Amino acid sequence: MVSFVLTVKRMLSGLYHAFKEKNFRTLFLLTLIMLLSGTLFYHKAEGFSYIDSLYFCVMTLTTVGSTDLVPQTTFGKLFTIVYTFAGIGIIFGFIYYVAKGIHFSSARKSIKGKKEEEDE
């Protein structure tokens, strides 16, 4: 449980630092739009619950995949193909900026710690 809390703290720190960049704010908005549009589509077209729809979107766009939920309609399958190609780059860009923010935060703390040691 402690490692989970520390991981969430690092991720939030990464998000905080990433939000300082204009490109990230644009990617964040595009990510929200992609997830919202996919969630609404799968809820209406495939009859998934909202949580299942969001879960399917995240698993699809992060290329993790899941066999729990699968589009049953031809239209749903075609949408998933286009949705995947359109969204993977956006999601990976989003993840890149969050990881960059985590790295920046960690490097900054490391430098700050070294300065404090030198001052003593």
PDB file of N, CA and C in Angstrom:
ATOM      1  N   MET A   1       0.825  -1.197   0.000  1.00  0.00           N
ATOM      2  CA  MET A   1       0.000   0.000   0.000  1.00  0.00           C
ATOM      3  C   MET A   1       0.869   1.262   0.000  1.00  0.00           C
ATOM      4  N   VAL A   2       1.974   1.193   0.738  1.00  0.00           N
ATOM      5  CA  VAL A   2       2.873   2.343   0.804  1.00  0.00           C
ATOM      6  C   VAL A   2       3.468   2.630  -0.571  1.00  0.00           C
ATOM      7  N   SER A   3       3.876   1.587  -1.280  1.00  0.00           N
ATOM      8  CA  SER A   3       4.469   1.803  -2.602  1.00  0.00           C
ATOM      9  C   SER A   3       3.439   2.388  -3.572  1.00  0.00           C
ATOM     10  N   PHE A   4       2.172   1.986  -3.433  1.00  0.00           N
ATOM     11  CA  PHE A   4       1.121   2.551  -4.285  1.00  0.00           C
ATOM     12  C   PHE A   4       0.970   4.048  -4.026  1.00  0.00           C
ATOM     13  N   VAL A   5       0.952   4.430  -2.757  1.00  0.00           N
ATOM     14  CA  VAL A   5       0.816   5.848  -2.401  1.00  0.00           C
ATOM     15  C   VAL A   5       2.013   6.640  -2.923  1.00  0.00           C
ATOM     16  N   LEU A   6       3.201   6.097  -2.788  1.00  0.00           N
ATOM     17  CA  LEU A   6       4.398   6.779  -3.294  1.00  0.00           C
ATOM     18  C   LEU A   6       4.375   6.904  -4.816  1.00  0.00           C
ATOM     19  N   THR A   7       3.885   5.875  -5.487  1.00  0.00           N
ATOM     20  CA  THR A   7       3.775   5.916  -6.951  1.00  0.00           C
ATOM     21  C   THR A   7       2.771   6.975  -7.392  1.00  0.00           C
ATOM     22  N   VAL A   8       1.634   7.049  -6.717  1.00  0.00           N
ATOM     23  CA  VAL A   8       0.627   8.079  -7.031  1.00  0.00           C
ATOM     24  C   VAL A   8       1.203   9.462  -6.781  1.00  0.00           C
ATOM     25  N   LYS A   9       1.958   9.619  -5.695  1.00  0.00           N
ATOM     26  CA  LYS A   9       2.584  10.910  -5.388  1.00  0.00           C
ATOM     27  C   LYS A   9       3.552  11.311  -6.499  1.00  0.00           C
ATOM     28  N   ARG A  10       4.361  10.364  -6.975  1.00  0.00           N
ATOM     29  CA  ARG A  10       5.303  10.650  -8.064  1.00  0.00           C
ATOM     30  C   ARG A  10       4.567  11.014  -9.347  1.00  0.00           C
ATOM     31  N   MET A  11       3.475  10.294  -9.629  1.00  0.00           N
ATOM     32  CA  MET A  11       2.709  10.589 -10.832  1.00  0.00           C
ATOM     33  C   MET A  11       2.082  11.986 -10.755  1.00  0.00           C
ATOM     34  N   LEU A  12       1.523  12.343  -9.603  1.00  0.00           N
ATOM     35  CA  LEU A  12       0.930  13.672  -9.445  1.00  0.00           C
ATOM     36  C   LEU A  12       1.991  14.762  -9.563  1.00  0.00           C
ATOM     37  N   SER A  13       3.179  14.495  -9.046  1.00  0.00           N
ATOM     38  CA  SER A  13       4.275  15.438  -9.189  1.00  0.00           C
ATOM     39  C   SER A  13       4.654  15.587 -10.664  1.00  0.00           C
ATOM     40  N   GLY A  14       4.676  14.469 -11.379  1.00  0.00           N
ATOM     41  CA  GLY A  14       4.964  14.507 -12.813  1.00  0.00           C
ATOM     42  C   GLY A  14       3.912  15.283 -13.583  1.00  0.00           C
ATOM     43  N   LEU A  15       2.646  15.090 -13.220  1.00  0.00           N
ATOM     44  CA  LEU A  15       1.566  15.848 -13.862  1.00  0.00           C
ATOM     45  C   LEU A  15       1.714  17.340 -13.585  1.00  0.00           C
ATOM     46  N   TYR A  16       2.037  17.675 -12.354  1.00  0.00           N
ATOM     47  CA  TYR A  16       2.215  19.082 -11.977  1.00  0.00           C
ATOM     48  C   TYR A  16       3.295  19.736 -12.846  1.00  0.00           C
ATOM     49  N   HIS A  17       4.430  19.076 -12.978  1.00  0.00           N
ATOM     50  CA  HIS A  17       5.524  19.635 -13.780  1.00  0.00           C
ATOM     51  C   HIS A  17       5.187  19.626 -15.270  1.00  0.00           C
ATOM     52  N   ALA A  18       4.468  18.608 -15.720  1.00  0.00           N
ATOM     53  CA  ALA A  18       4.103  18.527 -17.142  1.00  0.00           C
ATOM     54  C   ALA A  18       3.130  19.639 -17.524  1.00  0.00           C
ATOM     55  N   PHE A  19       2.233  20.011 -16.604  1.00  0.00           N
ATOM     56  CA  PHE A  19       1.245  21.051 -16.905  1.00  0.00           C
ATOM     57  C   PHE A  19       1.883  22.410 -17.165  1.00  0.00           C
ATOM     58  N   LYS A  20       3.128  22.565 -16.818  1.00  0.00           N
ATOM     59  CA  LYS A  20       3.814  23.832 -17.062  1.00  0.00           C
ATOM     60  C   LYS A  20       4.131  24.023 -18.541  1.00  0.00           C
ATOM     61  N   GLU A  21       4.039  22.952 -19.326  1.00  0.00           N
ATOM     62  CA  GLU A  21       4.344  23.027 -20.759  1.00  0.00           C
ATOM     63  C   GLU A  21       3.049  23.107 -21.569  1.00  0.00           C
ATOM     64  N   LYS A  22       3.041  24.030 -22.529  1.00  0.00           N
ATOM     65  CA  LYS A  22       1.844  24.248 -23.343  1.00  0.00           C
ATOM     66  C   LYS A  22       1.482  23.004 -24.155  1.00  0.00           C
ATOM     67  N   ASN A  23       2.482  22.324 -24.710  1.00  0.00           N
ATOM     68  CA  ASN A  23       2.216  21.117 -25.497  1.00  0.00           C
ATOM     69  C   ASN A  23       1.504  20.057 -24.671  1.00  0.00           C
ATOM     70  N   PHE A  24       1.886  19.942 -23.400  1.00  0.00           N
ATOM     71  CA  PHE A  24       1.244  18.952 -22.538  1.00  0.00           C
ATOM     72  C   PHE A  24      -0.211  19.321 -22.286  1.00  0.00           C
ATOM     73  N   ARG A  25      -0.485  20.589 -22.077  1.00  0.00           N
ATOM     74  CA  ARG A  25      -1.879  20.995 -21.835  1.00  0.00           C
ATOM     75  C   ARG A  25      -2.754  20.645 -23.041  1.00  0.00           C
ATOM     76  N   THR A  26      -2.203  20.815 -24.236  1.00  0.00           N
ATOM     77  CA  THR A  26      -2.935  20.439 -25.449  1.00  0.00           C
ATOM     78  C   THR A  26      -3.143  18.920 -25.505  1.00  0.00           C
ATOM     79  N   LEU A  27      -2.092  18.158 -25.218  1.00  0.00           N
ATOM     80  CA  LEU A  27      -2.200  16.691 -25.205  1.00  0.00           C
ATOM     81  C   LEU A  27      -3.175  16.219 -24.134  1.00  0.00           C
ATOM     82  N   PHE A  28      -3.177  16.878 -22.995  1.00  0.00           N
ATOM     83  CA  PHE A  28      -4.095  16.528 -21.912  1.00  0.00           C
ATOM     84  C   PHE A  28      -5.542  16.694 -22.383  1.00  0.00           C
ATOM     85  N   LEU A  29      -5.823  17.818 -23.028  1.00  0.00           N
ATOM     86  CA  LEU A  29      -7.174  18.065 -23.542  1.00  0.00           C
ATOM     87  C   LEU A  29      -7.536  17.038 -24.620  1.00  0.00           C
ATOM     88  N   LEU A  30      -6.623  16.751 -25.535  1.00  0.00           N
ATOM     89  CA  LEU A  30      -6.875  15.747 -26.573  1.00  0.00           C
ATOM     90  C   LEU A  30      -7.097  14.358 -25.966  1.00  0.00           C
ATOM     91  N   THR A  31      -6.348  14.033 -24.926  1.00  0.00           N
ATOM     92  CA  THR A  31      -6.511  12.746 -24.243  1.00  0.00           C
ATOM     93  C   THR A  31      -7.897  12.649 -23.631  1.00  0.00           C
ATOM     94  N   LEU A  32      -8.319  13.723 -22.954  1.00  0.00           N
ATOM     95  CA  LEU A  32      -9.666  13.723 -22.367  1.00  0.00           C
ATOM     96  C   LEU A  32     -10.745  13.570 -23.438  1.00  0.00           C
ATOM     97  N   ILE A  33     -10.558  14.265 -24.557  1.00  0.00           N
ATOM     98  CA  ILE A  33     -11.535  14.177 -25.650  1.00  0.00           C
ATOM     99  C   ILE A  33     -11.570  12.756 -26.222  1.00  0.00           C
ATOM    100  N   MET A  34     -10.386  12.160 -26.422  1.00  0.00           N
ATOM    101  CA  MET A  34     -10.337  10.788 -26.950  1.00  0.00           C
ATOM    102  C   MET A  34     -11.028   9.815 -25.996  1.00  0.00           C
ATOM    103  N   LEU A  35     -10.727   9.910 -24.704  1.00  0.00           N
ATOM    104  CA  LEU A  35     -11.327   8.991 -23.739  1.00  0.00           C
ATOM    105  C   LEU A  35     -12.831   9.215 -23.612  1.00  0.00           C
ATOM    106  N   LEU A  36     -13.253  10.466 -23.612  1.00  0.00           N
ATOM    107  CA  LEU A  36     -14.678  10.759 -23.507  1.00  0.00           C
ATOM    108  C   LEU A  36     -15.439  10.278 -24.737  1.00  0.00           C
ATOM    109  N   SER A  37     -14.903  10.548 -25.913  1.00  0.00           N
ATOM    110  CA  SER A  37     -15.598  10.130 -27.141  1.00  0.00           C
ATOM    111  C   SER A  37     -15.668   8.609 -27.240  1.00  0.00           C
ATOM    112  N   GLY A  38     -14.585   7.935 -26.911  1.00  0.00           N
ATOM    113  CA  GLY A  38     -14.595   6.475 -26.938  1.00  0.00           C
ATOM    114  C   GLY A  38     -15.541   5.891 -25.914  1.00  0.00           C
ATOM    115  N   THR A  39     -15.542   6.461 -24.715  1.00  0.00           N
ATOM    116  CA  THR A  39     -16.428   5.981 -23.653  1.00  0.00           C
ATOM    117  C   THR A  39     -17.886   6.123 -24.065  1.00  0.00           C
ATOM    118  N   LEU A  40     -18.235   7.279 -24.602  1.00  0.00           N
ATOM    119  CA  LEU A  40     -19.623   7.485 -25.042  1.00  0.00           C
ATOM    120  C   LEU A  40     -19.989   6.556 -26.189  1.00  0.00           C
ATOM    121  N   PHE A  41     -19.070   6.372 -27.134  1.00  0.00           N
ATOM    122  CA  PHE A  41     -19.349   5.484 -28.261  1.00  0.00           C
ATOM    123  C   PHE A  41     -19.605   4.061 -27.788  1.00  0.00           C
ATOM    124  N   TYR A  42     -18.691   3.513 -26.994  1.00  0.00           N
ATOM    125  CA  TYR A  42     -18.836   2.115 -26.573  1.00  0.00           C
ATOM    126  C   TYR A  42     -20.049   1.919 -25.665  1.00  0.00           C
ATOM    127  N   HIS A  43     -20.393   2.945 -24.919  1.00  0.00           N
ATOM    128  CA  HIS A  43     -21.597   2.843 -24.090  1.00  0.00           C
ATOM    129  C   HIS A  43     -22.847   2.748 -24.971  1.00  0.00           C
ATOM    130  N   LYS A  44     -22.919   3.599 -25.974  1.00  0.00           N
ATOM    131  CA  LYS A  44     -24.110   3.627 -26.846  1.00  0.00           C
ATOM    132  C   LYS A  44     -24.120   2.479 -27.859  1.00  0.00           C
ATOM    133  N   ALA A  45     -23.016   2.274 -28.547  1.00  0.00           N
ATOM    134  CA  ALA A  45     -22.998   1.309 -29.646  1.00  0.00           C
ATOM    135  C   ALA A  45     -22.862  -0.135 -29.181  1.00  0.00           C
ATOM    136  N   GLU A  46     -22.093  -0.359 -28.125  1.00  0.00           N
ATOM    137  CA  GLU A  46     -21.832  -1.729 -27.690  1.00  0.00           C
ATOM    138  C   GLU A  46     -22.577  -2.110 -26.415  1.00  0.00           C
ATOM    139  N   GLY A  47     -23.186  -1.116 -25.763  1.00  0.00           N
ATOM    140  CA  GLY A  47     -23.943  -1.403 -24.552  1.00  0.00           C
ATOM    141  C   GLY A  47     -23.087  -1.642 -23.315  1.00  0.00           C
ATOM    142  N   PHE A  48     -21.801  -1.242 -23.354  1.00  0.00           N
ATOM    143  CA  PHE A  48     -20.939  -1.366 -22.179  1.00  0.00           C
ATOM    144  C   PHE A  48     -21.378  -0.327 -21.141  1.00  0.00           C
ATOM    145  N   SER A  49     -21.141  -0.615 -19.868  1.00  0.00           N
ATOM    146  CA  SER A  49     -21.370   0.404 -18.840  1.00  0.00           C
ATOM    147  C   SER A  49     -20.335   1.510 -19.042  1.00  0.00           C
ATOM    148  N   TYR A  50     -20.541   2.649 -18.401  1.00  0.00           N
ATOM    149  CA  TYR A  50     -19.583   3.748 -18.556  1.00  0.00           C
ATOM    150  C   TYR A  50     -18.190   3.351 -18.059  1.00  0.00           C
ATOM    151  N   ILE A  51     -18.136   2.672 -16.935  1.00  0.00           N
ATOM    152  CA  ILE A  51     -16.837   2.244 -16.392  1.00  0.00           C
ATOM    153  C   ILE A  51     -16.177   1.227 -17.321  1.00  0.00           C
ATOM    154  N   ASP A  52     -16.957   0.261 -17.819  1.00  0.00           N
ATOM    155  CA  ASP A  52     -16.409  -0.722 -18.758  1.00  0.00           C
ATOM    156  C   ASP A  52     -15.937  -0.043 -20.045  1.00  0.00           C
ATOM    157  N   SER A  53     -16.686   0.945 -20.496  1.00  0.00           N
ATOM    158  CA  SER A  53     -16.311   1.678 -21.712  1.00  0.00           C
ATOM    159  C   SER A  53     -14.998   2.415 -21.516  1.00  0.00           C
ATOM    160  N   LEU A  54     -14.869   3.117 -20.393  1.00  0.00           N
ATOM    161  CA  LEU A  54     -13.628   3.834 -20.105  1.00  0.00           C
ATOM    162  C   LEU A  54     -12.466   2.862 -19.966  1.00  0.00           C
ATOM    163  N   TYR A  55     -12.692   1.762 -19.270  1.00  0.00           N
ATOM    164  CA  TYR A  55     -11.668   0.726 -19.102  1.00  0.00           C
ATOM    165  C   TYR A  55     -11.209   0.198 -20.461  1.00  0.00           C
ATOM    166  N   PHE A  56     -12.165  -0.090 -21.338  1.00  0.00           N
ATOM    167  CA  PHE A  56     -11.826  -0.598 -22.668  1.00  0.00           C
ATOM    168  C   PHE A  56     -11.012   0.436 -23.449  1.00  0.00           C
ATOM    169  N   CYS A  57     -11.391   1.710 -23.347  1.00  0.00           N
ATOM    170  CA  CYS A  57     -10.663   2.769 -24.055  1.00  0.00           C
ATOM    171  C   CYS A  57      -9.213   2.865 -23.570  1.00  0.00           C
ATOM    172  N   VAL A  58      -9.027   2.852 -22.267  1.00  0.00           N
ATOM    173  CA  VAL A  58      -7.674   2.954 -21.715  1.00  0.00           C
ATOM    174  C   VAL A  58      -6.842   1.733 -22.106  1.00  0.00           C
ATOM    175  N   MET A  59      -7.423   0.549 -22.001  1.00  0.00           N
ATOM    176  CA  MET A  59      -6.689  -0.670 -22.357  1.00  0.00           C
ATOM    177  C   MET A  59      -6.335  -0.681 -23.839  1.00  0.00           C
ATOM    178  N   THR A  60      -7.218  -0.171 -24.673  1.00  0.00           N
ATOM    179  CA  THR A  60      -6.976  -0.146 -26.115  1.00  0.00           C
ATOM    180  C   THR A  60      -5.902   0.876 -26.472  1.00  0.00           C
ATOM    181  N   LEU A  61      -6.041   2.102 -25.951  1.00  0.00           N
ATOM    182  CA  LEU A  61      -5.122   3.170 -26.344  1.00  0.00           C
ATOM    183  C   LEU A  61      -3.734   3.025 -25.743  1.00  0.00           C
ATOM    184  N   THR A  62      -3.614   2.339 -24.642  1.00  0.00           N
ATOM    185  CA  THR A  62      -2.282   2.113 -24.071  1.00  0.00           C
ATOM    186  C   THR A  62      -1.668   0.823 -24.602  1.00  0.00           C
ATOM    187  N   THR A  63      -2.344   0.165 -25.489  1.00  0.00           N
ATOM    188  CA  THR A  63      -1.952  -1.086 -26.153  1.00  0.00           C
ATOM    189  C   THR A  63      -1.792  -2.248 -25.178  1.00  0.00           C
ATOM    190  N   VAL A  64      -2.389  -2.146 -24.003  1.00  0.00           N
ATOM    191  CA  VAL A  64      -2.361  -3.257 -23.053  1.00  0.00           C
ATOM    192  C   VAL A  64      -3.257  -4.375 -23.560  1.00  0.00           C
ATOM    193  N   GLY A  65      -4.458  -4.000 -23.980  1.00  0.00           N
ATOM    194  CA  GLY A  65      -5.407  -4.978 -24.489  1.00  0.00           C
ATOM    195  C   GLY A  65      -6.098  -5.734 -23.368  1.00  0.00           C
ATOM    196  N   SER A  66      -7.239  -6.276 -23.687  1.00  0.00           N
ATOM    197  CA  SER A  66      -8.011  -7.039 -22.714  1.00  0.00           C
ATOM    198  C   SER A  66      -9.007  -7.897 -23.478  1.00  0.00           C
ATOM    199  N   THR A  67      -9.157  -9.129 -23.042  1.00  0.00           N
ATOM    200  CA  THR A  67     -10.126 -10.002 -23.702  1.00  0.00           C
ATOM    201  C   THR A  67     -11.453 -10.019 -22.956  1.00  0.00           C
ATOM    202  N   ASP A  68     -11.534  -9.248 -21.854  1.00  0.00           N
ATOM    203  CA  ASP A  68     -12.783  -9.180 -21.095  1.00  0.00           C
ATOM    204  C   ASP A  68     -13.891  -8.531 -21.909  1.00  0.00           C
ATOM    205  N   LEU A  69     -13.551  -7.463 -22.599  1.00  0.00           N
ATOM    206  CA  LEU A  69     -14.523  -6.705 -23.384  1.00  0.00           C
ATOM    207  C   LEU A  69     -14.062  -6.679 -24.832  1.00  0.00           C
ATOM    208  N   VAL A  70     -14.980  -6.984 -25.728  1.00  0.00           N
ATOM    209  CA  VAL A  70     -14.668  -6.997 -27.154  1.00  0.00           C
ATOM    210  C   VAL A  70     -15.868  -6.421 -27.890  1.00  0.00           C
ATOM    211  N   PRO A  71     -15.646  -5.495 -28.833  1.00  0.00           N
ATOM    212  CA  PRO A  71     -16.767  -4.997 -29.622  1.00  0.00           C
ATOM    213  C   PRO A  71     -17.438  -6.151 -30.379  1.00  0.00           C
ATOM    214  N   GLN A  72     -18.753  -6.186 -30.337  1.00  0.00           N
ATOM    215  CA  GLN A  72     -19.499  -7.263 -30.988  1.00  0.00           C
ATOM    216  C   GLN A  72     -20.035  -6.863 -32.354  1.00  0.00           C
ATOM    217  N   THR A  73     -20.266  -5.558 -32.567  1.00  0.00           N
ATOM    218  CA  THR A  73     -20.836  -5.111 -33.838  1.00  0.00           C
ATOM    219  C   THR A  73     -19.731  -4.799 -34.842  1.00  0.00           C
ATOM    220  N   THR A  74     -20.061  -4.884 -36.103  1.00  0.00           N
ATOM    221  CA  THR A  74     -19.103  -4.541 -37.155  1.00  0.00           C
ATOM    222  C   THR A  74     -18.712  -3.078 -37.046  1.00  0.00           C
ATOM    223  N   PHE A  75     -19.701  -2.219 -36.791  1.00  0.00           N
ATOM    224  CA  PHE A  75     -19.433  -0.793 -36.643  1.00  0.00           C
ATOM    225  C   PHE A  75     -18.498  -0.535 -35.461  1.00  0.00           C
ATOM    226  N   GLY A  76     -18.698  -1.257 -34.373  1.00  0.00           N
ATOM    227  CA  GLY A  76     -17.837  -1.129 -33.204  1.00  0.00           C
ATOM    228  C   GLY A  76     -16.414  -1.559 -33.498  1.00  0.00           C
ATOM    229  N   LYS A  77     -16.267  -2.612 -34.263  1.00  0.00           N
ATOM    230  CA  LYS A  77     -14.927  -3.089 -34.625  1.00  0.00           C
ATOM    231  C   LYS A  77     -14.217  -2.096 -35.544  1.00  0.00           C
ATOM    232  N   LEU A  78     -14.953  -1.545 -36.521  1.00  0.00           N
ATOM    233  CA  LEU A  78     -14.366  -0.546 -37.416  1.00  0.00           C
ATOM    234  C   LEU A  78     -13.987   0.719 -36.648  1.00  0.00           C
ATOM    235  N   PHE A  79     -14.860   1.144 -35.733  1.00  0.00           N
ATOM    236  CA  PHE A  79     -14.561   2.310 -34.908  1.00  0.00           C
ATOM    237  C   PHE A  79     -13.293   2.065 -34.094  1.00  0.00           C
ATOM    238  N   THR A  80     -13.151   0.865 -33.536  1.00  0.00           N
ATOM    239  CA  THR A  80     -11.994   0.539 -32.709  1.00  0.00           C
ATOM    240  C   THR A  80     -10.706   0.627 -33.507  1.00  0.00           C
ATOM    241  N   ILE A  81     -10.719   0.207 -34.749  1.00  0.00           N
ATOM    242  CA  ILE A  81      -9.539   0.296 -35.606  1.00  0.00           C
ATOM    243  C   ILE A  81      -9.124   1.755 -35.784  1.00  0.00           C
ATOM    244  N   VAL A  82     -10.065   2.597 -36.174  1.00  0.00           N
ATOM    245  CA  VAL A  82      -9.767   4.013 -36.394  1.00  0.00           C
ATOM    246  C   VAL A  82      -9.381   4.682 -35.073  1.00  0.00           C
ATOM    247  N   TYR A  83     -10.128   4.364 -34.008  1.00  0.00           N
ATOM    248  CA  TYR A  83      -9.887   4.935 -32.679  1.00  0.00           C
ATOM    249  C   TYR A  83      -8.480   4.614 -32.183  1.00  0.00           C
ATOM    250  N   THR A  84      -8.044   3.391 -32.415  1.00  0.00           N
ATOM    251  CA  THR A  84      -6.715   2.971 -31.978  1.00  0.00           C
ATOM    252  C   THR A  84      -5.626   3.738 -32.725  1.00  0.00           C
ATOM    253  N   PHE A  85      -5.733   3.800 -34.050  1.00  0.00           N
ATOM    254  CA  PHE A  85      -4.724   4.514 -34.828  1.00  0.00           C
ATOM    255  C   PHE A  85      -4.702   6.002 -34.488  1.00  0.00           C
ATOM    256  N   ALA A  86      -5.848   6.586 -34.257  1.00  0.00           N
ATOM    257  CA  ALA A  86      -5.912   8.016 -33.934  1.00  0.00           C
ATOM    258  C   ALA A  86      -5.426   8.307 -32.520  1.00  0.00           C
ATOM    259  N   GLY A  87      -5.663   7.398 -31.614  1.00  0.00           N
ATOM    260  CA  GLY A  87      -5.404   7.699 -30.213  1.00  0.00           C
ATOM    261  C   GLY A  87      -4.076   7.275 -29.637  1.00  0.00           C
ATOM    262  N   ILE A  88      -3.432   6.280 -30.210  1.00  0.00           N
ATOM    263  CA  ILE A  88      -2.196   5.770 -29.620  1.00  0.00           C
ATOM    264  C   ILE A  88      -1.114   6.856 -29.546  1.00  0.00           C
ATOM    265  N   GLY A  89      -0.941   7.616 -30.591  1.00  0.00           N
ATOM    266  CA  GLY A  89       0.069   8.682 -30.575  1.00  0.00           C
ATOM    267  C   GLY A  89      -0.230   9.726 -29.518  1.00  0.00           C
ATOM    268  N   ILE A  90      -1.494  10.070 -29.371  1.00  0.00           N
ATOM    269  CA  ILE A  90      -1.887  11.062 -28.366  1.00  0.00           C
ATOM    270  C   ILE A  90      -1.586  10.540 -26.963  1.00  0.00           C
ATOM    271  N   ILE A  91      -1.966   9.307 -26.695  1.00  0.00           N
ATOM    272  CA  ILE A  91      -1.744   8.719 -25.370  1.00  0.00           C
ATOM    273  C   ILE A  91      -0.252   8.585 -25.081  1.00  0.00           C
ATOM    274  N   PHE A  92       0.534   8.134 -26.050  1.00  0.00           N
ATOM    275  CA  PHE A  92       1.966   7.987 -25.813  1.00  0.00           C
ATOM    276  C   PHE A  92       2.635   9.342 -25.595  1.00  0.00           C
ATOM    277  N   GLY A  93       2.175  10.370 -26.307  1.00  0.00           N
ATOM    278  CA  GLY A  93       2.685  11.721 -26.067  1.00  0.00           C
ATOM    279  C   GLY A  93       2.356  12.182 -24.653  1.00  0.00           C
ATOM    280  N   PHE A  94       1.155  11.906 -24.215  1.00  0.00           N
ATOM    281  CA  PHE A  94       0.722  12.239 -22.854  1.00  0.00           C
ATOM    282  C   PHE A  94       1.609  11.532 -21.827  1.00  0.00           C
ATOM    283  N   ILE A  95       1.820  10.247 -22.021  1.00  0.00           N
ATOM    284  CA  ILE A  95       2.648   9.461 -21.101  1.00  0.00           C
ATOM    285  C   ILE A  95       4.084   9.987 -21.108  1.00  0.00           C
ATOM    286  N   TYR A  96       4.589  10.366 -22.274  1.00  0.00           N
ATOM    287  CA  TYR A  96       5.951  10.908 -22.373  1.00  0.00           C
ATOM    288  C   TYR A  96       6.105  12.146 -21.495  1.00  0.00           C
ATOM    289  N   TYR A  97       5.162  13.079 -21.601  1.00  0.00           N
ATOM    290  CA  TYR A  97       5.266  14.311 -20.826  1.00  0.00           C
ATOM    291  C   TYR A  97       5.132  14.060 -19.323  1.00  0.00           C
ATOM    292  N   VAL A  98       4.289  13.120 -18.925  1.00  0.00           N
ATOM    293  CA  VAL A  98       4.175  12.784 -17.504  1.00  0.00           C
ATOM    294  C   VAL A  98       5.489  12.170 -17.015  1.00  0.00           C
ATOM    295  N   ALA A  99       6.056  11.254 -17.793  1.00  0.00           N
ATOM    296  CA  ALA A  99       7.335  10.642 -17.419  1.00  0.00           C
ATOM    297  C   ALA A  99       8.438  11.691 -17.352  1.00  0.00           C
ATOM    298  N   LYS A 100       8.430  12.619 -18.290  1.00  0.00           N
ATOM    299  CA  LYS A 100       9.414  13.702 -18.292  1.00  0.00           C
ATOM    300  C   LYS A 100       9.254  14.560 -17.038  1.00  0.00           C
ATOM    301  N   GLY A 101       8.012  14.823 -16.648  1.00  0.00           N
ATOM    302  CA  GLY A 101       7.763  15.593 -15.433  1.00  0.00           C
ATOM    303  C   GLY A 101       8.229  14.864 -14.190  1.00  0.00           C
ATOM    304  N   ILE A 102       8.033  13.535 -14.150  1.00  0.00           N
ATOM    305  CA  ILE A 102       8.512  12.735 -13.018  1.00  0.00           C
ATOM    306  C   ILE A 102      10.037  12.789 -12.955  1.00  0.00           C
ATOM    307  N   HIS A 103      10.671  12.645 -14.102  1.00  0.00           N
ATOM    308  CA  HIS A 103      12.137  12.702 -14.156  1.00  0.00           C
ATOM    309  C   HIS A 103      12.637  14.072 -13.705  1.00  0.00           C
ATOM    310  N   PHE A 104      12.005  15.132 -14.180  1.00  0.00           N
ATOM    311  CA  PHE A 104      12.397  16.490 -13.797  1.00  0.00           C
ATOM    312  C   PHE A 104      12.254  16.678 -12.293  1.00  0.00           C
ATOM    313  N   SER A 105      11.146  16.191 -11.742  1.00  0.00           N
ATOM    314  CA  SER A 105      10.897  16.308 -10.310  1.00  0.00           C
ATOM    315  C   SER A 105      11.944  15.546  -9.507  1.00  0.00           C
ATOM    316  N   SER A 106      12.259  14.335  -9.930  1.00  0.00           N
ATOM    317  CA  SER A 106      13.261  13.519  -9.238  1.00  0.00           C
ATOM    318  C   SER A 106      14.646  14.144  -9.330  1.00  0.00           C
ATOM    319  N   ALA A 107      14.993  14.636 -10.507  1.00  0.00           N
ATOM    320  CA  ALA A 107      16.308  15.258 -10.693  1.00  0.00           C
ATOM    321  C   ALA A 107      16.419  16.523  -9.851  1.00  0.00           C
ATOM    322  N   ARG A 108      15.353  17.267  -9.776  1.00  0.00           N
ATOM    323  CA  ARG A 108      15.346  18.508  -8.996  1.00  0.00           C
ATOM    324  C   ARG A 108      15.530  18.218  -7.511  1.00  0.00           C
ATOM    325  N   LYS A 109      14.852  17.177  -7.015  1.00  0.00           N
ATOM    326  CA  LYS A 109      14.996  16.795  -5.609  1.00  0.00           C
ATOM    327  C   LYS A 109      16.409  16.320  -5.325  1.00  0.00           C
ATOM    328  N   SER A 110      16.990  15.599  -6.273  1.00  0.00           N
ATOM    329  CA  SER A 110      18.353  15.099  -6.107  1.00  0.00           C
ATOM    330  C   SER A 110      19.346  16.253  -6.014  1.00  0.00           C
ATOM    331  N   ILE A 111      19.191  17.229  -6.874  1.00  0.00           N
ATOM    332  CA  ILE A 111      20.076  18.397  -6.871  1.00  0.00           C
ATOM    333  C   ILE A 111      19.889  19.193  -5.586  1.00  0.00           C
ATOM    334  N   LYS A 112      18.637  19.354  -5.165  1.00  0.00           N
ATOM    335  CA  LYS A 112      18.331  20.087  -3.935  1.00  0.00           C
ATOM    336  C   LYS A 112      18.952  19.383  -2.731  1.00  0.00           C
ATOM    337  N   GLY A 113      18.888  18.054  -2.691  1.00  0.00           N
ATOM    338  CA  GLY A 113      19.480  17.282  -1.608  1.00  0.00           C
ATOM    339  C   GLY A 113      20.992  17.423  -1.560  1.00  0.00           C
ATOM    340  N   LYS A 114      21.639  17.444  -2.731  1.00  0.00           N
ATOM    341  CA  LYS A 114      23.090  17.608  -2.793  1.00  0.00           C
ATOM    342  C   LYS A 114      23.512  18.990  -2.303  1.00  0.00           C
ATOM    343  N   LYS A 115      22.730  20.026  -2.639  1.00  0.00           N
ATOM    344  CA  LYS A 115      23.042  21.383  -2.194  1.00  0.00           C
ATOM    345  C   LYS A 115      22.929  21.488  -0.687  1.00  0.00           C
ATOM    346  N   GLU A 116      21.920  20.852  -0.104  1.00  0.00           N
ATOM    347  CA  GLU A 116      21.738  20.889   1.343  1.00  0.00           C
ATOM    348  C   GLU A 116      22.903  20.191   2.047  1.00  0.00           C
ATOM    349  N   GLU A 117      23.411  19.084   1.469  1.00  0.00           N
ATOM    350  CA  GLU A 117      24.558  18.387   2.038  1.00  0.00           C
ATOM    351  C   GLU A 117      25.814  19.260   1.998  1.00  0.00           C
ATOM    352  N   GLU A 118      25.976  20.021   0.900  1.00  0.00           N
ATOM    353  CA  GLU A 118      27.142  20.888   0.751  1.00  0.00           C
ATOM    354  C   GLU A 118      27.089  22.049   1.732  1.00  0.00           C
ATOM    355  N   ASP A 119      25.881  22.535   2.014  1.00  0.00           N
ATOM    356  CA  ASP A 119      25.727  23.672   2.923  1.00  0.00           C
ATOM    357  C   ASP A 119      26.036  23.294   4.368  1.00  0.00           C
ATOM    358  N   GLU A 120      25.912  22.043   4.717  1.00  0.00           N
ATOM    359  CA  GLU A 120      26.146  21.603   6.092  1.00  0.00           C
ATOM    360  C   GLU A 120      27.574  21.452   6.353  1.00  0.00           C
TER     361      GLU A 120
END
